[in-house]
Amino acid sequence: MEIIDYIKPVPVIAPDDFRRRFGAQKIESFNLVDVRQPGEYEAGHMPGARLAPLGELQDHVQKFDRDKPTVIYCAIGGRSTAAASIFLNAGFREVYSLEGGYQAWNGPTAKGSPSFGTLYFRGTADPLVLLSLSWALEENTIRYYKKILSQYHDIKTMNFFTSLISVEVEHKELILSLYNKLKGQGRKGDFPDIYSSIDDIDNFIEGGLKLPDILAWAEGRPLNEIIDYSIGLEAQLFDVYTKILGEARDSDMRLVLTRLANEEKQHLNRFIRFYEEFL
């Protein structure tokens, strides 16, 4: 089993392709969605774009026409890929994340962030596999945050990411505890046995990205770009737990996943507040 079996890529559209396809169309013929924060939107936005901040997106999705093509953008592409996943899951037929975000649209030399996909399941997935995926996401998110800590040494940033790491460590312990309980219900094998049965899971982070790739991208990046992209990753992790919750049948598993989803939602909101303070 490969990790890619659980990932569908989120379609992206380059700024030049966007101009060719939608530049001459009336804005009423497609959805153009800005998922940045209000302050970013007020400072400058694409003509005709409607504001729907990522942290509030679930409240805005129903306001858009599912039958129209939908193009979503943020600052550099992290938040918009997470938002595109939400739109796709809501049944929108044609959804794109603008590659490189507003920076790339506004300046052709700007370099965007790595694009990621959305988690899906082929039929009902094994609960132990779902927990293995969850554990891997938490572990590799910790590794990503530790990379950020190694690059930025101001007290506020260090305290912020240290607190996030401590919660992710608690999540790992919670997932492992639930795994052991389910294993006791006639299951065989240790957690590492199931974990290692999924190819390349050690390198898996939200959205199907390879951890070495995202760590290489983060090297030397400005903090605002790191935070922007991390917001997208947190939104993806919240989305992952929401999807796994939809697959779960065991009451204890649903209880744990609900807690994980709620706490990741809190993380997302904390990131957004931190980002606004940074701006």
C-alpha atoms as a PDB file:
ATOM      1  CA  MET A   1       0.000   0.000   0.000  1.00  0.00           C
ATOM      2  CA  GLU A   2       1.350   3.426  -0.924  1.00  0.00           C
ATOM      3  CA  ILE A   3       0.518   6.717   0.730  1.00  0.00           C
ATOM      4  CA  ILE A   4      -0.477   8.125  -2.649  1.00  0.00           C
ATOM      5  CA  ASP A   5      -3.435   5.728  -2.591  1.00  0.00           C
ATOM      6  CA  TYR A   6      -5.009   8.130  -0.107  1.00  0.00           C
ATOM      7  CA  ILE A   7      -4.277  11.381  -1.959  1.00  0.00           C
ATOM      8  CA  LYS A   8      -5.972  13.176  -4.822  1.00  0.00           C
ATOM      9  CA  PRO A   9      -4.070  16.188  -6.178  1.00  0.00           C
ATOM     10  CA  VAL A  10      -5.737  19.562  -5.882  1.00  0.00           C
ATOM     11  CA  PRO A  11      -5.844  21.163  -9.372  1.00  0.00           C
ATOM     12  CA  VAL A  12      -3.738  24.301  -9.702  1.00  0.00           C
ATOM     13  CA  ILE A  13      -3.805  27.007 -12.333  1.00  0.00           C
ATOM     14  CA  ALA A  14      -0.849  29.244 -13.169  1.00  0.00           C
ATOM     15  CA  PRO A  15      -1.440  33.016 -13.286  1.00  0.00           C
ATOM     16  CA  ASP A  16      -0.842  33.150 -17.067  1.00  0.00           C
ATOM     17  CA  ASP A  17      -3.275  30.284 -17.632  1.00  0.00           C
ATOM     18  CA  PHE A  18      -5.802  32.049 -15.408  1.00  0.00           C
ATOM     19  CA  ARG A  19      -5.503  35.198 -17.522  1.00  0.00           C
ATOM     20  CA  ARG A  20      -5.907  33.236 -20.751  1.00  0.00           C
ATOM     21  CA  ARG A  21      -8.920  31.288 -19.527  1.00  0.00           C
ATOM     22  CA  PHE A  22     -10.764  33.785 -17.352  1.00  0.00           C
ATOM     23  CA  GLY A  23      -9.290  37.178 -18.231  1.00  0.00           C
ATOM     24  CA  ALA A  24     -11.923  38.018 -20.849  1.00  0.00           C
ATOM     25  CA  GLN A  25     -14.845  36.476 -18.964  1.00  0.00           C
ATOM     26  CA  LYS A  26     -17.299  38.384 -16.838  1.00  0.00           C
ATOM     27  CA  ILE A  27     -16.673  37.843 -13.142  1.00  0.00           C
ATOM     28  CA  GLU A  28     -20.236  36.518 -12.800  1.00  0.00           C
ATOM     29  CA  SER A  29     -19.305  33.493 -14.929  1.00  0.00           C
ATOM     30  CA  PHE A  30     -16.935  32.004 -12.340  1.00  0.00           C
ATOM     31  CA  ASN A  31     -16.154  32.117  -8.629  1.00  0.00           C
ATOM     32  CA  LEU A  32     -13.004  34.013  -7.659  1.00  0.00           C
ATOM     33  CA  VAL A  33     -12.346  33.471  -3.965  1.00  0.00           C
ATOM     34  CA  ASP A  34      -9.771  35.251  -1.788  1.00  0.00           C
ATOM     35  CA  VAL A  35      -9.112  33.196   1.377  1.00  0.00           C
ATOM     36  CA  ARG A  36      -6.672  35.630   2.967  1.00  0.00           C
ATOM     37  CA  GLN A  37      -7.441  37.822   5.952  1.00  0.00           C
ATOM     38  CA  PRO A  38      -9.459  41.052   5.631  1.00  0.00           C
ATOM     39  CA  GLY A  39      -6.381  43.237   6.100  1.00  0.00           C
ATOM     40  CA  GLU A  40      -4.589  41.484   3.248  1.00  0.00           C
ATOM     41  CA  TYR A  41      -7.663  41.816   1.046  1.00  0.00           C
ATOM     42  CA  GLU A  42      -7.983  45.529   1.774  1.00  0.00           C
ATOM     43  CA  ALA A  43      -4.315  46.074   0.953  1.00  0.00           C
ATOM     44  CA  GLY A  44      -4.872  44.662  -2.530  1.00  0.00           C
ATOM     45  CA  HIS A  45      -6.819  41.910  -4.253  1.00  0.00           C
ATOM     46  CA  MET A  46      -7.651  40.485  -7.661  1.00  0.00           C
ATOM     47  CA  PRO A  47     -10.493  42.343  -9.418  1.00  0.00           C
ATOM     48  CA  GLY A  48     -13.873  40.845  -8.623  1.00  0.00           C
ATOM     49  CA  ALA A  49     -12.596  38.510  -5.907  1.00  0.00           C
ATOM     50  CA  ARG A  50     -14.905  37.769  -2.986  1.00  0.00           C
ATOM     51  CA  LEU A  51     -13.356  37.525   0.464  1.00  0.00           C
ATOM     52  CA  ALA A  52     -13.835  34.265   2.393  1.00  0.00           C
ATOM     53  CA  PRO A  53     -11.057  33.905   5.013  1.00  0.00           C
ATOM     54  CA  LEU A  54      -9.838  30.335   5.406  1.00  0.00           C
ATOM     55  CA  GLY A  55     -10.666  30.173   9.104  1.00  0.00           C
ATOM     56  CA  GLU A  56     -14.311  30.996   8.306  1.00  0.00           C
ATOM     57  CA  LEU A  57     -14.540  29.185   4.992  1.00  0.00           C
ATOM     58  CA  GLN A  58     -17.013  26.529   6.106  1.00  0.00           C
ATOM     59  CA  ASP A  59     -19.506  29.358   6.698  1.00  0.00           C
ATOM     60  CA  HIS A  60     -18.943  30.821   3.219  1.00  0.00           C
ATOM     61  CA  VAL A  61     -18.831  27.791   0.918  1.00  0.00           C
ATOM     62  CA  GLN A  62     -22.601  27.613   0.492  1.00  0.00           C
ATOM     63  CA  LYS A  63     -22.668  31.197  -0.801  1.00  0.00           C
ATOM     64  CA  PHE A  64     -20.891  30.196  -4.020  1.00  0.00           C
ATOM     65  CA  ASP A  65     -22.373  28.472  -7.088  1.00  0.00           C
ATOM     66  CA  ARG A  66     -21.211  24.837  -7.262  1.00  0.00           C
ATOM     67  CA  ASP A  67     -21.770  24.708 -11.009  1.00  0.00           C
ATOM     68  CA  LYS A  68     -19.382  27.547 -11.829  1.00  0.00           C
ATOM     69  CA  PRO A  69     -15.606  27.130 -12.187  1.00  0.00           C
ATOM     70  CA  THR A  70     -13.979  28.205  -8.927  1.00  0.00           C
ATOM     71  CA  VAL A  71     -10.521  29.770  -8.598  1.00  0.00           C
ATOM     72  CA  ILE A  72      -9.135  30.272  -5.102  1.00  0.00           C
ATOM     73  CA  TYR A  73      -6.073  32.242  -4.078  1.00  0.00           C
ATOM     74  CA  CYS A  74      -4.197  33.341  -0.967  1.00  0.00           C
ATOM     75  CA  ALA A  75      -0.775  34.968  -0.572  1.00  0.00           C
ATOM     76  CA  ILE A  76       1.540  32.241  -1.879  1.00  0.00           C
ATOM     77  CA  GLY A  77      -0.634  29.144  -2.400  1.00  0.00           C
ATOM     78  CA  GLY A  78      -0.683  27.308   0.936  1.00  0.00           C
ATOM     79  CA  ARG A  79      -4.055  28.432   2.230  1.00  0.00           C
ATOM     80  CA  SER A  80      -5.691  28.248  -1.195  1.00  0.00           C
ATOM     81  CA  THR A  81      -4.842  24.570  -1.732  1.00  0.00           C
ATOM     82  CA  ALA A  82      -6.399  23.734   1.630  1.00  0.00           C
ATOM     83  CA  ALA A  83      -9.426  25.840   0.684  1.00  0.00           C
ATOM     84  CA  ALA A  84      -9.692  24.102  -2.701  1.00  0.00           C
ATOM     85  CA  SER A  85      -9.883  20.774  -0.882  1.00  0.00           C
ATOM     86  CA  ILE A  86     -12.814  22.097   1.155  1.00  0.00           C
ATOM     87  CA  PHE A  87     -14.629  23.252  -1.987  1.00  0.00           C
ATOM     88  CA  LEU A  88     -14.026  19.898  -3.707  1.00  0.00           C
ATOM     89  CA  ASN A  89     -15.377  18.029  -0.697  1.00  0.00           C
ATOM     90  CA  ALA A  90     -18.456  20.273  -0.772  1.00  0.00           C
ATOM     91  CA  GLY A  91     -19.286  19.037  -4.256  1.00  0.00           C
ATOM     92  CA  PHE A  92     -17.935  21.822  -6.453  1.00  0.00           C
ATOM     93  CA  ARG A  93     -17.285  20.444  -9.941  1.00  0.00           C
ATOM     94  CA  GLU A  94     -14.297  22.486 -11.124  1.00  0.00           C
ATOM     95  CA  VAL A  95     -11.928  23.978  -8.571  1.00  0.00           C
ATOM     96  CA  TYR A  96      -8.431  25.445  -8.936  1.00  0.00           C
ATOM     97  CA  SER A  97      -5.872  26.850  -6.549  1.00  0.00           C
ATOM     98  CA  LEU A  98      -3.975  29.781  -8.064  1.00  0.00           C
ATOM     99  CA  GLU A  99      -0.348  28.709  -8.225  1.00  0.00           C
ATOM    100  CA  GLY A 100       1.875  31.091  -6.277  1.00  0.00           C
ATOM    101  CA  GLY A 101      -1.124  33.029  -4.974  1.00  0.00           C
ATOM    102  CA  TYR A 102      -1.565  36.780  -5.101  1.00  0.00           C
ATOM    103  CA  GLN A 103       2.193  37.312  -5.087  1.00  0.00           C
ATOM    104  CA  ALA A 104       2.599  35.346  -8.324  1.00  0.00           C
ATOM    105  CA  TRP A 105      -0.427  37.004  -9.947  1.00  0.00           C
ATOM    106  CA  ASN A 106       0.834  40.448  -8.968  1.00  0.00           C
ATOM    107  CA  GLY A 107       4.481  39.793  -9.879  1.00  0.00           C
ATOM    108  CA  PRO A 108       5.621  37.068 -12.282  1.00  0.00           C
ATOM    109  CA  THR A 109       8.958  36.567 -10.538  1.00  0.00           C
ATOM    110  CA  ALA A 110       7.388  35.560  -7.221  1.00  0.00           C
ATOM    111  CA  LYS A 111       7.911  31.926  -6.269  1.00  0.00           C
ATOM    112  CA  GLY A 112       5.008  30.049  -4.745  1.00  0.00           C
ATOM    113  CA  SER A 113       4.825  27.233  -2.252  1.00  0.00           C
ATOM    114  CA  PRO A 114       4.626  23.478  -2.919  1.00  0.00           C
ATOM    115  CA  SER A 115       1.131  22.334  -3.853  1.00  0.00           C
ATOM    116  CA  PHE A 116      -0.533  19.506  -2.023  1.00  0.00           C
ATOM    117  CA  GLY A 117      -3.535  17.276  -2.477  1.00  0.00           C
ATOM    118  CA  THR A 118      -6.596  16.171  -0.573  1.00  0.00           C
ATOM    119  CA  LEU A 119      -7.120  12.972   1.388  1.00  0.00           C
ATOM    120  CA  TYR A 120      -9.749  10.508   0.236  1.00  0.00           C
ATOM    121  CA  PHE A 121     -10.658   6.872   0.821  1.00  0.00           C
ATOM    122  CA  ARG A 122     -11.463   4.020  -1.506  1.00  0.00           C
ATOM    123  CA  GLY A 123     -14.321   2.409   0.337  1.00  0.00           C
ATOM    124  CA  THR A 124     -14.296   1.967   4.086  1.00  0.00           C
ATOM    125  CA  ALA A 125     -10.741   2.108   5.396  1.00  0.00           C
ATOM    126  CA  ASP A 126      -9.342  -0.105   8.164  1.00  0.00           C
ATOM    127  CA  PRO A 127      -9.481   1.809  11.496  1.00  0.00           C
ATOM    128  CA  LEU A 128      -5.898   0.828  12.306  1.00  0.00           C
ATOM    129  CA  VAL A 129      -4.714   2.214   8.982  1.00  0.00           C
ATOM    130  CA  LEU A 130      -6.606   5.452   9.637  1.00  0.00           C
ATOM    131  CA  LEU A 131      -4.939   5.732  13.025  1.00  0.00           C
ATOM    132  CA  SER A 132      -1.557   5.007  11.442  1.00  0.00           C
ATOM    133  CA  LEU A 133      -2.093   7.831   8.986  1.00  0.00           C
ATOM    134  CA  SER A 134      -3.131  10.131  11.826  1.00  0.00           C
ATOM    135  CA  TRP A 135      -0.082   9.218  13.900  1.00  0.00           C
ATOM    136  CA  ALA A 136       2.218   9.829  10.917  1.00  0.00           C
ATOM    137  CA  LEU A 137       0.661  13.227  10.271  1.00  0.00           C
ATOM    138  CA  GLU A 138       1.232  14.264  13.874  1.00  0.00           C
ATOM    139  CA  GLU A 139       4.810  12.959  13.941  1.00  0.00           C
ATOM    140  CA  ASN A 140       5.833  14.657  10.711  1.00  0.00           C
ATOM    141  CA  THR A 141       4.085  17.894  11.628  1.00  0.00           C
ATOM    142  CA  ILE A 142       6.244  17.930  14.764  1.00  0.00           C
ATOM    143  CA  ARG A 143       9.358  17.463  12.620  1.00  0.00           C
ATOM    144  CA  TYR A 144       8.257  20.353  10.403  1.00  0.00           C
ATOM    145  CA  TYR A 145       7.644  22.644  13.385  1.00  0.00           C
ATOM    146  CA  LYS A 146      11.019  21.740  14.861  1.00  0.00           C
ATOM    147  CA  LYS A 147      12.585  22.855  11.590  1.00  0.00           C
ATOM    148  CA  ILE A 148      10.874  26.216  11.992  1.00  0.00           C
ATOM    149  CA  LEU A 149      12.153  26.466  15.561  1.00  0.00           C
ATOM    150  CA  SER A 150      15.711  25.919  14.335  1.00  0.00           C
ATOM    151  CA  GLN A 151      15.445  28.934  12.012  1.00  0.00           C
ATOM    152  CA  TYR A 152      13.716  31.595  14.116  1.00  0.00           C
ATOM    153  CA  HIS A 153      14.857  32.519  17.587  1.00  0.00           C
ATOM    154  CA  ASP A 154      12.687  35.403  18.736  1.00  0.00           C
ATOM    155  CA  ILE A 155      10.806  34.534  21.917  1.00  0.00           C
ATOM    156  CA  LYS A 156       7.304  34.986  20.498  1.00  0.00           C
ATOM    157  CA  THR A 157       7.875  32.656  17.547  1.00  0.00           C
ATOM    158  CA  MET A 158       9.692  30.067  19.670  1.00  0.00           C
ATOM    159  CA  ASN A 159       6.931  30.028  22.292  1.00  0.00           C
ATOM    160  CA  PHE A 160       4.258  29.752  19.616  1.00  0.00           C
ATOM    161  CA  PHE A 161       5.741  26.755  17.821  1.00  0.00           C
ATOM    162  CA  THR A 162       6.861  25.088  21.060  1.00  0.00           C
ATOM    163  CA  SER A 163       3.289  25.164  22.339  1.00  0.00           C
ATOM    164  CA  LEU A 164       2.028  23.657  19.060  1.00  0.00           C
ATOM    165  CA  ILE A 165       4.586  20.860  19.281  1.00  0.00           C
ATOM    166  CA  SER A 166       3.510  19.976  22.825  1.00  0.00           C
ATOM    167  CA  VAL A 167      -0.115  19.564  21.704  1.00  0.00           C
ATOM    168  CA  GLU A 168       0.904  17.421  18.716  1.00  0.00           C
ATOM    169  CA  VAL A 169       2.875  15.171  21.095  1.00  0.00           C
ATOM    170  CA  GLU A 170      -0.291  14.741  23.178  1.00  0.00           C
ATOM    171  CA  HIS A 171      -2.165  13.861  19.987  1.00  0.00           C
ATOM    172  CA  LYS A 172       0.335  11.120  19.169  1.00  0.00           C
ATOM    173  CA  GLU A 173      -0.110   9.611  22.634  1.00  0.00           C
ATOM    174  CA  LEU A 174      -3.892   9.776  22.331  1.00  0.00           C
ATOM    175  CA  ILE A 175      -3.836   8.060  18.935  1.00  0.00           C
ATOM    176  CA  LEU A 176      -1.498   5.336  20.176  1.00  0.00           C
ATOM    177  CA  SER A 177      -3.705   4.712  23.215  1.00  0.00           C
ATOM    178  CA  LEU A 178      -6.754   4.288  20.986  1.00  0.00           C
ATOM    179  CA  TYR A 179      -4.800   2.038  18.635  1.00  0.00           C
ATOM    180  CA  ASN A 180      -3.863  -0.265  21.509  1.00  0.00           C
ATOM    181  CA  LYS A 181      -7.471  -0.408  22.667  1.00  0.00           C
ATOM    182  CA  LEU A 182      -8.715  -1.355  19.205  1.00  0.00           C
ATOM    183  CA  LYS A 183      -5.928  -3.868  18.804  1.00  0.00           C
ATOM    184  CA  GLY A 184      -7.169  -5.546  21.972  1.00  0.00           C
ATOM    185  CA  GLN A 185     -10.475  -6.211  20.242  1.00  0.00           C
ATOM    186  CA  GLY A 186      -9.163  -9.233  18.357  1.00  0.00           C
ATOM    187  CA  ARG A 187      -6.451  -7.351  16.473  1.00  0.00           C
ATOM    188  CA  LYS A 188      -2.989  -8.758  15.943  1.00  0.00           C
ATOM    189  CA  GLY A 189       0.333  -7.027  15.468  1.00  0.00           C
ATOM    190  CA  ASP A 190       1.964  -3.967  16.941  1.00  0.00           C
ATOM    191  CA  PHE A 191       1.421  -0.387  15.918  1.00  0.00           C
ATOM    192  CA  PRO A 192       4.758  -0.309  14.038  1.00  0.00           C
ATOM    193  CA  ASP A 193       3.666  -3.363  12.034  1.00  0.00           C
ATOM    194  CA  ILE A 194       0.633  -1.552  10.649  1.00  0.00           C
ATOM    195  CA  TYR A 195       2.499   1.725  10.406  1.00  0.00           C
ATOM    196  CA  SER A 196       5.308   0.217   8.331  1.00  0.00           C
ATOM    197  CA  SER A 197       2.859  -1.481   5.949  1.00  0.00           C
ATOM    198  CA  ILE A 198       2.138   1.899   4.326  1.00  0.00           C
ATOM    199  CA  ASP A 199       4.973   2.755   1.953  1.00  0.00           C
ATOM    200  CA  ASP A 200       6.808   6.039   2.546  1.00  0.00           C
ATOM    201  CA  ILE A 201       4.642   7.001   5.517  1.00  0.00           C
ATOM    202  CA  ASP A 202       7.750   8.283   7.340  1.00  0.00           C
ATOM    203  CA  ASN A 203       7.912  11.109   4.818  1.00  0.00           C
ATOM    204  CA  PHE A 204       4.200  11.871   4.648  1.00  0.00           C
ATOM    205  CA  ILE A 205       2.827  15.223   5.730  1.00  0.00           C
ATOM    206  CA  GLU A 206      -0.576  16.799   5.172  1.00  0.00           C
ATOM    207  CA  GLY A 207      -1.682  16.964   1.572  1.00  0.00           C
ATOM    208  CA  GLY A 208       0.591  14.170   0.348  1.00  0.00           C
ATOM    209  CA  LEU A 209       3.745  16.258   0.449  1.00  0.00           C
ATOM    210  CA  LYS A 210       7.103  14.635   1.098  1.00  0.00           C
ATOM    211  CA  LEU A 211       8.547  15.944   4.350  1.00  0.00           C
ATOM    212  CA  PRO A 212      12.084  16.404   2.913  1.00  0.00           C
ATOM    213  CA  ASP A 213      10.606  18.560   0.135  1.00  0.00           C
ATOM    214  CA  ILE A 214       8.712  20.837   2.493  1.00  0.00           C
ATOM    215  CA  LEU A 215      11.726  21.097   4.832  1.00  0.00           C
ATOM    216  CA  ALA A 216      13.913  22.082   1.875  1.00  0.00           C
ATOM    217  CA  TRP A 217      11.337  24.672   0.806  1.00  0.00           C
ATOM    218  CA  ALA A 218      11.189  26.131   4.337  1.00  0.00           C
ATOM    219  CA  GLU A 219      14.967  26.607   4.547  1.00  0.00           C
ATOM    220  CA  GLY A 220      15.668  30.332   4.805  1.00  0.00           C
ATOM    221  CA  ARG A 221      12.074  31.352   4.001  1.00  0.00           C
ATOM    222  CA  PRO A 222      10.673  34.610   5.429  1.00  0.00           C
ATOM    223  CA  LEU A 223       8.542  33.985   8.480  1.00  0.00           C
ATOM    224  CA  ASN A 224       5.380  35.396   6.861  1.00  0.00           C
ATOM    225  CA  GLU A 225       5.608  32.768   4.088  1.00  0.00           C
ATOM    226  CA  ILE A 226       6.248  30.007   6.629  1.00  0.00           C
ATOM    227  CA  ILE A 227       3.191  31.023   8.640  1.00  0.00           C
ATOM    228  CA  ASP A 228       1.054  31.385   5.512  1.00  0.00           C
ATOM    229  CA  TYR A 229       1.937  27.878   4.414  1.00  0.00           C
ATOM    230  CA  SER A 230       1.536  26.449   7.915  1.00  0.00           C
ATOM    231  CA  ILE A 231      -2.008  27.796   8.021  1.00  0.00           C
ATOM    232  CA  GLY A 232      -2.731  25.715   4.925  1.00  0.00           C
ATOM    233  CA  LEU A 233      -1.196  22.629   6.512  1.00  0.00           C
ATOM    234  CA  GLU A 234      -3.236  23.063   9.700  1.00  0.00           C
ATOM    235  CA  ALA A 235      -6.392  23.475   7.630  1.00  0.00           C
ATOM    236  CA  GLN A 236      -5.499  20.260   5.822  1.00  0.00           C
ATOM    237  CA  LEU A 237      -4.969  18.387   9.086  1.00  0.00           C
ATOM    238  CA  PHE A 238      -8.338  19.580  10.380  1.00  0.00           C
ATOM    239  CA  ASP A 239      -9.871  18.426   7.093  1.00  0.00           C
ATOM    240  CA  VAL A 240      -8.138  15.035   7.378  1.00  0.00           C
ATOM    241  CA  TYR A 241      -9.569  14.385  10.839  1.00  0.00           C
ATOM    242  CA  THR A 242     -13.002  15.463   9.680  1.00  0.00           C
ATOM    243  CA  LYS A 243     -12.831  12.946   6.828  1.00  0.00           C
ATOM    244  CA  ILE A 244     -11.510  10.140   9.018  1.00  0.00           C
ATOM    245  CA  LEU A 245     -14.294  10.908  11.498  1.00  0.00           C
ATOM    246  CA  GLY A 246     -16.742  10.302   8.683  1.00  0.00           C
ATOM    247  CA  GLU A 247     -15.205   6.843   8.172  1.00  0.00           C
ATOM    248  CA  ALA A 248     -15.090   5.897  11.860  1.00  0.00           C
ATOM    249  CA  ARG A 249     -17.711   3.587  13.335  1.00  0.00           C
ATOM    250  CA  ASP A 250     -16.218   2.819  16.771  1.00  0.00           C
ATOM    251  CA  SER A 251     -17.603   5.205  19.426  1.00  0.00           C
ATOM    252  CA  ASP A 252     -14.256   5.630  21.193  1.00  0.00           C
ATOM    253  CA  MET A 253     -12.537   6.372  17.906  1.00  0.00           C
ATOM    254  CA  ARG A 254     -15.169   8.968  17.033  1.00  0.00           C
ATOM    255  CA  LEU A 255     -14.697  10.602  20.432  1.00  0.00           C
ATOM    256  CA  VAL A 256     -10.918  10.822  19.992  1.00  0.00           C
ATOM    257  CA  LEU A 257     -11.143  12.068  16.415  1.00  0.00           C
ATOM    258  CA  THR A 258     -13.666  14.726  17.403  1.00  0.00           C
ATOM    259  CA  ARG A 259     -11.231  16.002  20.017  1.00  0.00           C
ATOM    260  CA  LEU A 260      -8.346  15.960  17.498  1.00  0.00           C
ATOM    261  CA  ALA A 261     -10.416  17.814  14.894  1.00  0.00           C
ATOM    262  CA  ASN A 262     -11.525  20.436  17.411  1.00  0.00           C
ATOM    263  CA  GLU A 263      -7.978  21.037  18.618  1.00  0.00           C
ATOM    264  CA  GLU A 264      -6.643  21.305  15.075  1.00  0.00           C
ATOM    265  CA  LYS A 265      -9.381  23.864  14.396  1.00  0.00           C
ATOM    266  CA  GLN A 266      -8.086  25.790  17.403  1.00  0.00           C
ATOM    267  CA  HIS A 267      -4.554  25.526  15.989  1.00  0.00           C
ATOM    268  CA  LEU A 268      -5.770  26.932  12.698  1.00  0.00           C
ATOM    269  CA  ASN A 269      -7.354  29.916  14.424  1.00  0.00           C
ATOM    270  CA  ARG A 270      -4.216  30.483  16.517  1.00  0.00           C
ATOM    271  CA  PHE A 271      -2.108  30.499  13.358  1.00  0.00           C
ATOM    272  CA  ILE A 272      -4.412  33.032  11.747  1.00  0.00           C
ATOM    273  CA  ARG A 273      -4.214  35.318  14.779  1.00  0.00           C
ATOM    274  CA  PHE A 274      -0.416  34.965  14.859  1.00  0.00           C
ATOM    275  CA  TYR A 275      -0.279  35.770  11.142  1.00  0.00           C
ATOM    276  CA  GLU A 276      -2.418  38.875  11.583  1.00  0.00           C
ATOM    277  CA  GLU A 277      -0.194  40.067  14.450  1.00  0.00           C
ATOM    278  CA  PHE A 278       2.894  39.449  12.308  1.00  0.00           C
ATOM    279  CA  LEU A 279       1.427  41.466   9.430  1.00  0.00           C
END
